[in-house]
Amino acid sequence: MNIVVCIKQVPDTKGGVKFNPDGTLDRAAMLAIMNPDDKAGLEAALRIKDATGAKVTVVTMGLPKADDMLREALAMGADEAVLITDRRLGGADTWATSSTIAAGLRNLDYDLIITGRQAIDGDTAQVGPQIAEHLGLPVISYAEDIKVEGDSVIVQRQYEDRYHEIKAKMPCLITALSELNEPRYMTPGGVFDAFDKEVTVWGRDDLKDLDDANIGLAGSPTKIAKASDKVRKGAGEKVALDPQESVNYIVSKLKEKHVI
């Protein structure tokens, strides 16, 4: 069984974010981590590997420094890693990103593709389902539990205050929630092994069946009107009251907004 996990290197927002003049993120200038939803998807794949002996391949599209994240995935237990990187692919929105990654996945054998639900730098939750559409695969989103049964997967899909239990035949694509599991740590031996392995690097010319009109910033229909690293809030309402009047004032406001 071959499992491909799509992972993304995202800005560590604790260190602040930086933007290019065109409104896109200046990823080269920021500290980066593995996207939490993707890391849960990787852990799910590794647990299936532990149970069935499946092969796990991680794939990312990004800057050359994403090699560090791929080696983290290898140190956790992934078998192979692929980095799709090319200046021509830069500035991609979800459409261009999913088109490019889908082209890369066509170079691989897979029974199951796992992505994160969404990335913390965009929060669109679009790339996983778009990849499935490009590849003509069924998709199950918002997975909070994954089991493999023969040639099928059984997924508990989060739905408001309950879940759907969905069974699908492979090949298919699943998008994972960060709540799916608790990802394992890298082991010392895994770290040493990860740096002995070769990360496969693909550029634009290694991706077949991909239209140049659908890649990079020029191939992205989404246009950014404005970008900001913080949401500015108003000063709010300030009052000077004694303790009892303050209590009455707060209670009246909560009633006004139907909180109580």
Protein backbone atom coordinates (compact mmCIF):
# COMPACT_ATOMS: atom_id res chain seq x y z
CA MET A 1 0.00 0.00 0.00
CA ASN A 2 1.33 3.42 -0.98
CA ILE A 3 0.31 6.50 1.00
CA VAL A 4 1.24 10.02 -0.11
CA VAL A 5 1.01 12.81 2.46
CA CYS A 6 0.99 16.41 1.25
CA ILE A 7 2.62 18.69 3.80
CA LYS A 8 3.33 22.41 3.81
CA GLN A 9 5.92 24.59 5.47
CA VAL A 10 4.08 27.54 6.98
CA PRO A 11 5.22 30.65 8.87
CA ASP A 12 5.60 30.30 12.61
CA THR A 13 3.18 33.11 13.43
CA LYS A 14 4.66 33.51 16.92
CA GLY A 15 7.66 35.12 15.26
CA GLY A 16 5.56 37.53 13.20
CA VAL A 17 4.91 37.54 9.47
CA LYS A 18 6.39 39.55 6.62
CA PHE A 19 4.95 40.46 3.22
CA ASN A 20 6.36 41.12 -0.23
CA PRO A 21 5.30 44.33 -2.05
CA ASP A 22 2.76 42.34 -4.11
CA GLY A 23 0.97 41.20 -0.92
CA THR A 24 2.29 37.62 -0.93
CA LEU A 25 4.05 36.22 2.13
CA ASP A 26 7.82 36.69 2.26
CA ARG A 27 8.40 33.06 3.25
CA ALA A 28 12.18 33.27 2.95
CA ALA A 29 12.31 35.89 5.73
CA MET A 30 10.22 34.01 8.30
CA LEU A 31 10.72 31.12 10.70
CA ALA A 32 8.77 28.10 9.49
CA ILE A 33 7.10 24.96 10.86
CA MET A 34 5.18 22.01 9.48
CA ASN A 35 1.49 22.89 9.17
CA PRO A 36 -0.34 21.32 12.18
CA ASP A 37 -3.17 19.71 10.18
CA ASP A 38 -0.61 18.22 7.78
CA LYS A 39 1.43 16.86 10.67
CA ALA A 40 -1.66 15.07 11.98
CA GLY A 41 -2.20 13.64 8.50
CA LEU A 42 1.40 12.41 8.48
CA GLU A 43 0.92 10.77 11.88
CA ALA A 44 -2.22 9.03 10.58
CA ALA A 45 -0.24 7.68 7.63
CA LEU A 46 2.57 6.48 9.92
CA ARG A 47 0.09 4.64 12.14
CA ILE A 48 -1.30 2.89 9.06
CA LYS A 49 2.29 2.06 8.11
CA ASP A 50 2.91 0.62 11.59
CA ALA A 51 -0.17 -1.59 11.26
CA THR A 52 0.08 -2.66 7.61
CA GLY A 53 3.64 -2.03 6.41
CA ALA A 54 2.51 0.65 3.98
CA LYS A 55 5.02 2.93 2.25
CA VAL A 56 4.70 6.62 3.17
CA THR A 57 5.91 9.37 0.84
CA VAL A 58 5.72 13.05 1.80
CA VAL A 59 5.37 15.74 -0.86
CA THR A 60 5.59 19.51 -0.58
CA MET A 61 5.70 22.50 -2.88
CA GLY A 62 7.79 25.35 -1.56
CA LEU A 63 11.16 27.03 -1.22
CA PRO A 64 14.38 24.99 -1.04
CA LYS A 65 14.43 25.51 2.75
CA ALA A 66 11.38 23.19 2.93
CA ASP A 67 14.00 20.42 2.78
CA ASP A 68 14.30 20.82 6.57
CA MET A 69 10.60 20.05 7.06
CA LEU A 70 10.79 17.05 4.74
CA ARG A 71 13.69 15.66 6.74
CA GLU A 72 11.63 16.15 9.89
CA ALA A 73 8.95 13.98 8.26
CA LEU A 74 11.58 11.38 7.34
CA ALA A 75 12.85 11.42 10.93
CA MET A 76 9.31 10.76 12.14
CA GLY A 77 9.13 7.66 9.94
CA ALA A 78 8.25 8.59 6.35
CA ASP A 79 10.04 6.50 3.72
CA GLU A 80 10.56 8.99 0.89
CA ALA A 81 10.28 12.75 0.36
CA VAL A 82 9.66 14.94 -2.68
CA LEU A 83 10.25 18.69 -2.91
CA ILE A 84 8.58 20.55 -5.77
CA THR A 85 10.40 23.86 -6.11
CA ASP A 86 10.87 26.32 -8.95
CA ARG A 87 10.84 30.12 -9.11
CA ARG A 88 8.18 29.83 -11.81
CA LEU A 89 5.83 28.29 -9.24
CA GLY A 90 6.13 31.15 -6.72
CA GLY A 91 3.17 33.26 -5.61
CA ALA A 92 0.64 30.49 -6.28
CA ASP A 93 -2.88 30.67 -4.85
CA THR A 94 -4.88 27.54 -4.04
CA TRP A 95 -5.78 26.87 -7.69
CA ALA A 96 -2.21 27.11 -8.93
CA THR A 97 -0.89 25.21 -5.91
CA SER A 98 -3.34 22.32 -6.28
CA SER A 99 -2.73 22.15 -10.05
CA THR A 100 1.03 21.90 -9.47
CA ILE A 101 0.85 19.35 -6.65
CA ALA A 102 -1.61 17.20 -8.60
CA ALA A 103 0.84 17.18 -11.51
CA GLY A 104 3.55 16.01 -9.13
CA LEU A 105 1.34 13.27 -7.70
CA ARG A 106 0.80 11.91 -11.21
CA ASN A 107 4.49 10.92 -11.10
CA LEU A 108 3.86 8.71 -8.05
CA ASP A 109 2.02 5.50 -7.23
CA TYR A 110 -0.61 5.99 -4.54
CA ASP A 111 -3.53 4.19 -2.97
CA LEU A 112 -4.31 6.92 -0.45
CA ILE A 113 -3.53 10.64 -0.39
CA ILE A 114 -3.72 12.53 2.90
CA THR A 115 -3.57 16.31 3.22
CA GLY A 116 -4.26 18.65 6.08
CA ARG A 117 -7.69 20.26 6.26
CA GLN A 118 -6.17 23.70 5.83
CA ALA A 119 -2.95 25.64 6.31
CA ILE A 120 -2.60 28.20 9.08
CA ASP A 121 -1.20 30.78 6.64
CA GLY A 122 -4.31 30.80 4.45
CA ASP A 123 -7.14 28.94 6.20
CA THR A 124 -8.94 28.28 2.89
CA ALA A 125 -9.32 24.46 3.19
CA GLN A 126 -9.34 24.38 -0.62
CA VAL A 127 -6.10 22.72 -1.75
CA GLY A 128 -6.89 19.15 -0.63
CA PRO A 129 -10.31 18.95 -2.32
CA GLN A 130 -8.92 20.71 -5.40
CA ILE A 131 -6.14 18.12 -5.72
CA ALA A 132 -8.78 15.38 -5.57
CA GLU A 133 -10.77 17.12 -8.31
CA HIS A 134 -7.69 17.44 -10.54
CA LEU A 135 -6.94 13.73 -10.09
CA GLY A 136 -10.56 12.57 -10.36
CA LEU A 137 -10.58 11.06 -6.86
CA PRO A 138 -13.28 10.91 -4.18
CA VAL A 139 -12.50 13.12 -1.20
CA ILE A 140 -13.43 12.84 2.48
CA SER A 141 -12.73 16.04 4.41
CA TYR A 142 -12.46 16.92 8.11
CA ALA A 143 -11.26 13.47 9.20
CA GLU A 144 -11.12 12.88 12.94
CA ASP A 145 -10.45 9.12 12.66
CA ILE A 146 -9.10 6.95 9.82
CA LYS A 147 -9.10 3.17 9.52
CA VAL A 148 -8.06 0.95 6.61
CA GLU A 149 -10.18 -2.08 5.84
CA GLY A 150 -9.01 -4.11 2.85
CA ASP A 151 -9.09 -1.85 -0.21
CA SER A 152 -11.24 0.76 1.56
CA VAL A 153 -10.90 3.47 4.20
CA ILE A 154 -13.44 4.17 6.93
CA VAL A 155 -13.37 7.76 8.10
CA GLN A 156 -15.13 9.59 10.89
CA ARG A 157 -15.82 12.99 9.39
CA GLN A 158 -16.37 15.89 11.79
CA TYR A 159 -19.78 17.50 11.42
CA GLU A 160 -20.80 20.17 13.92
CA ASP A 161 -21.68 18.29 17.15
CA ARG A 162 -21.44 14.78 15.69
CA TYR A 163 -19.60 12.88 12.97
CA HIS A 164 -20.37 11.10 9.73
CA GLU A 165 -18.90 7.63 9.22
CA ILE A 166 -17.94 7.31 5.56
CA LYS A 167 -16.44 4.36 3.72
CA ALA A 168 -14.66 4.84 0.41
CA LYS A 169 -12.68 2.57 -1.87
CA MET A 170 -9.11 3.53 -2.59
CA PRO A 171 -7.62 5.42 -4.30
CA CYS A 172 -9.10 8.45 -2.55
CA LEU A 173 -8.02 11.61 -0.75
CA ILE A 174 -8.61 12.49 2.90
CA THR A 175 -8.13 15.88 4.58
CA ALA A 176 -7.10 15.61 8.23
CA LEU A 177 -7.87 17.73 11.28
CA SER A 178 -5.11 18.58 13.75
CA GLU A 179 -7.36 16.97 16.39
CA LEU A 180 -7.06 13.64 14.58
CA ASN A 181 -4.15 12.52 16.77
CA GLU A 182 -1.04 13.52 18.68
CA PRO A 183 1.91 13.42 16.25
CA ARG A 184 4.95 11.46 17.37
CA TYR A 185 8.34 13.01 18.02
CA MET A 186 11.39 12.44 15.89
CA THR A 187 13.75 9.82 17.30
CA PRO A 188 17.55 10.32 17.48
CA GLY A 189 18.02 7.37 15.14
CA GLY A 190 15.36 8.74 12.85
CA VAL A 191 17.16 12.09 12.65
CA PHE A 192 20.43 10.42 11.66
CA ASP A 193 18.66 8.27 9.07
CA ALA A 194 16.78 11.28 7.68
CA PHE A 195 20.01 13.05 6.78
CA ASP A 196 21.35 9.92 5.09
CA LYS A 197 18.34 9.85 2.75
CA GLU A 198 18.05 11.77 -0.49
CA VAL A 199 15.15 14.15 -0.98
CA THR A 200 13.84 14.03 -4.55
CA VAL A 201 13.65 17.52 -6.07
CA TRP A 202 11.36 18.32 -8.98
CA GLY A 203 11.19 21.57 -10.91
CA ARG A 204 8.58 22.81 -13.38
CA ASP A 205 10.04 20.71 -16.19
CA ASP A 206 9.53 17.49 -14.20
CA LEU A 207 5.77 18.06 -14.03
CA LYS A 208 3.84 16.76 -17.01
CA ASP A 209 0.25 17.49 -17.96
CA LEU A 210 0.48 20.93 -16.38
CA ASP A 211 -0.50 24.11 -18.21
CA ASP A 212 1.77 27.12 -17.61
CA ALA A 213 -1.39 29.22 -17.48
CA ASN A 214 -2.24 27.50 -14.17
CA ILE A 215 1.01 27.95 -12.24
CA GLY A 216 2.62 30.62 -10.10
CA LEU A 217 1.41 34.13 -9.48
CA ALA A 218 0.39 34.69 -13.11
CA GLY A 219 -1.77 31.57 -13.07
CA SER A 220 -3.52 32.46 -9.81
CA PRO A 221 -7.05 33.87 -10.20
CA THR A 222 -7.03 35.06 -6.57
CA LYS A 223 -5.79 38.62 -6.24
CA ILE A 224 -4.80 40.05 -2.86
CA ALA A 225 -6.30 43.49 -2.23
CA LYS A 226 -4.62 44.04 1.14
CA ALA A 227 -2.44 42.09 3.56
CA SER A 228 -1.81 42.73 7.25
CA ASP A 229 0.04 40.89 10.00
CA LYS A 230 -2.40 41.96 12.72
CA VAL A 231 -6.11 42.60 13.01
CA ARG A 232 -6.54 46.08 14.42
CA LYS A 233 -9.28 46.50 16.98
CA GLY A 234 -10.96 49.65 18.18
CA ALA A 235 -10.24 51.08 21.60
CA GLY A 236 -13.65 49.96 22.85
CA GLU A 237 -15.89 51.77 25.30
CA LYS A 238 -14.32 53.09 28.48
CA VAL A 239 -16.30 54.00 31.58
CA ALA A 240 -15.35 55.13 35.09
CA LEU A 241 -17.77 53.70 37.65
CA ASP A 242 -17.66 52.45 41.23
CA PRO A 243 -17.63 48.63 41.72
CA GLN A 244 -21.40 48.19 42.11
CA GLU A 245 -22.21 50.42 39.16
CA SER A 246 -19.61 48.53 37.11
CA VAL A 247 -21.33 45.21 37.87
CA ASN A 248 -24.71 46.61 36.89
CA TYR A 249 -23.26 48.11 33.72
CA ILE A 250 -21.59 44.86 32.64
CA VAL A 251 -24.74 42.82 33.34
CA SER A 252 -26.85 45.28 31.34
CA LYS A 253 -24.49 44.99 28.37
CA LEU A 254 -24.53 41.18 28.51
CA LYS A 255 -28.34 41.25 28.53
CA GLU A 256 -28.36 43.74 25.67
CA LYS A 257 -26.32 41.33 23.54
CA HIS A 258 -28.42 38.35 24.68
CA VAL A 259 -25.43 36.67 26.33
CA ILE A 260 -27.50 36.22 29.50
